[in-house]
Amino acid sequence: MAKKSDYFGLDYIVSLILAIIPVTAWICGFITRLQEGKIVAAIIRLLGVGVVLWVIDLVLMITSKHIFRLLNI
């Protein structure tokens, strides 16, 4: 069985596919930050700075098998 990942408890492969597609990565990233209670990080994602964070999240997800949260605010 595949290991559970960051996006809503989905499998790693499904989360990776969602992370590769920019629109779904932006929406999933925004929603997961809100669920974690990290309002500032969610707002930063919403305002468009998320493009840089998207690339970093994608690289870190591929290398470490989970999304590394850069903004813990």
C-alpha atoms as a PDB file:
ATOM      1  CA  MET A   1       0.000   0.000   0.000  1.00  0.00           C
ATOM      2  CA  ALA A   2       1.253   3.485  -0.849  1.00  0.00           C
ATOM      3  CA  LYS A   3       2.238   5.887   1.891  1.00  0.00           C
ATOM      4  CA  LYS A   4      -0.200   8.710   2.630  1.00  0.00           C
ATOM      5  CA  SER A   5       0.967  12.183   1.690  1.00  0.00           C
ATOM      6  CA  ASP A   6       0.072  15.799   2.366  1.00  0.00           C
ATOM      7  CA  TYR A   7      -2.902  16.663   0.202  1.00  0.00           C
ATOM      8  CA  PHE A   8      -5.949  15.604   2.210  1.00  0.00           C
ATOM      9  CA  GLY A   9      -4.457  12.225   3.135  1.00  0.00           C
ATOM     10  CA  LEU A  10      -4.218  11.088  -0.484  1.00  0.00           C
ATOM     11  CA  ASP A  11      -1.593   8.668  -1.777  1.00  0.00           C
ATOM     12  CA  TYR A  12       1.803  10.060  -2.771  1.00  0.00           C
ATOM     13  CA  ILE A  13       1.246   9.572  -6.527  1.00  0.00           C
ATOM     14  CA  VAL A  14      -2.117  11.371  -6.454  1.00  0.00           C
ATOM     15  CA  SER A  15      -0.647  14.203  -4.380  1.00  0.00           C
ATOM     16  CA  LEU A  16       2.285  14.478  -6.768  1.00  0.00           C
ATOM     17  CA  ILE A  17      -0.032  14.724  -9.772  1.00  0.00           C
ATOM     18  CA  LEU A  18      -2.039  17.425  -8.004  1.00  0.00           C
ATOM     19  CA  ALA A  19       1.205  19.240  -7.151  1.00  0.00           C
ATOM     20  CA  ILE A  20       2.458  19.155 -10.754  1.00  0.00           C
ATOM     21  CA  ILE A  21      -0.635  20.877 -12.151  1.00  0.00           C
ATOM     22  CA  PRO A  22      -0.250  24.572 -11.233  1.00  0.00           C
ATOM     23  CA  VAL A  23      -3.935  25.351 -10.680  1.00  0.00           C
ATOM     24  CA  THR A  24      -4.640  22.347  -8.476  1.00  0.00           C
ATOM     25  CA  ALA A  25      -1.373  22.871  -6.575  1.00  0.00           C
ATOM     26  CA  TRP A  26      -2.393  26.481  -5.916  1.00  0.00           C
ATOM     27  CA  ILE A  27      -5.896  25.517  -4.740  1.00  0.00           C
ATOM     28  CA  CYS A  28      -4.773  22.497  -2.688  1.00  0.00           C
ATOM     29  CA  GLY A  29      -1.924  24.505  -1.156  1.00  0.00           C
ATOM     30  CA  PHE A  30      -4.298  27.304  -0.198  1.00  0.00           C
ATOM     31  CA  ILE A  31      -6.868  24.934   1.315  1.00  0.00           C
ATOM     32  CA  THR A  32      -4.321  22.858   3.244  1.00  0.00           C
ATOM     33  CA  ARG A  33      -2.724  25.992   4.701  1.00  0.00           C
ATOM     34  CA  LEU A  34      -6.156  27.172   5.846  1.00  0.00           C
ATOM     35  CA  GLN A  35      -6.896  23.770   7.380  1.00  0.00           C
ATOM     36  CA  GLU A  36      -3.602  23.930   9.281  1.00  0.00           C
ATOM     37  CA  GLY A  37      -4.576  27.350  10.624  1.00  0.00           C
ATOM     38  CA  LYS A  38      -1.740  29.131   8.792  1.00  0.00           C
ATOM     39  CA  ILE A  39      -3.714  32.126   7.579  1.00  0.00           C
ATOM     40  CA  VAL A  40      -0.707  34.238   6.516  1.00  0.00           C
ATOM     41  CA  ALA A  41       0.727  31.388   4.425  1.00  0.00           C
ATOM     42  CA  ALA A  42      -2.686  30.868   2.797  1.00  0.00           C
ATOM     43  CA  ILE A  43      -2.981  34.577   1.967  1.00  0.00           C
ATOM     44  CA  ILE A  44       0.520  34.589   0.456  1.00  0.00           C
ATOM     45  CA  ARG A  45      -0.503  31.630  -1.708  1.00  0.00           C
ATOM     46  CA  LEU A  46      -3.676  33.439  -2.717  1.00  0.00           C
ATOM     47  CA  LEU A  47      -1.907  36.677  -3.691  1.00  0.00           C
ATOM     48  CA  GLY A  48       0.247  35.050  -6.341  1.00  0.00           C
ATOM     49  CA  VAL A  49       3.584  34.648  -4.584  1.00  0.00           C
ATOM     50  CA  GLY A  50       2.608  31.006  -4.715  1.00  0.00           C
ATOM     51  CA  VAL A  51       4.332  30.517  -8.085  1.00  0.00           C
ATOM     52  CA  VAL A  52       7.756  30.562  -6.481  1.00  0.00           C
ATOM     53  CA  LEU A  53       6.495  28.464  -3.578  1.00  0.00           C
ATOM     54  CA  TRP A  54       4.887  26.046  -6.051  1.00  0.00           C
ATOM     55  CA  VAL A  55       8.235  25.286  -7.709  1.00  0.00           C
ATOM     56  CA  ILE A  56       9.970  24.861  -4.360  1.00  0.00           C
ATOM     57  CA  ASP A  57       7.137  22.657  -3.022  1.00  0.00           C
ATOM     58  CA  LEU A  58       7.233  20.538  -6.167  1.00  0.00           C
ATOM     59  CA  VAL A  59      10.995  19.941  -5.998  1.00  0.00           C
ATOM     60  CA  LEU A  60      10.858  19.149  -2.291  1.00  0.00           C
ATOM     61  CA  MET A  61       7.859  16.843  -2.762  1.00  0.00           C
ATOM     62  CA  ILE A  62       9.680  14.863  -5.442  1.00  0.00           C
ATOM     63  CA  THR A  63      12.891  14.573  -3.421  1.00  0.00           C
ATOM     64  CA  SER A  64      11.475  13.979   0.074  1.00  0.00           C
ATOM     65  CA  LYS A  65       8.085  12.362  -0.686  1.00  0.00           C
ATOM     66  CA  HIS A  66       6.163  15.049   1.215  1.00  0.00           C
ATOM     67  CA  ILE A  67       5.574  18.776   0.982  1.00  0.00           C
ATOM     68  CA  PHE A  68       7.968  20.720   3.121  1.00  0.00           C
ATOM     69  CA  ARG A  69       6.199  23.724   4.609  1.00  0.00           C
ATOM     70  CA  LEU A  70       8.411  26.752   4.030  1.00  0.00           C
ATOM     71  CA  LEU A  71       6.082  29.202   5.725  1.00  0.00           C
ATOM     72  CA  ASN A  72       5.198  28.177   9.252  1.00  0.00           C
ATOM     73  CA  ILE A  73       3.171  31.291   9.919  1.00  0.00           C
END
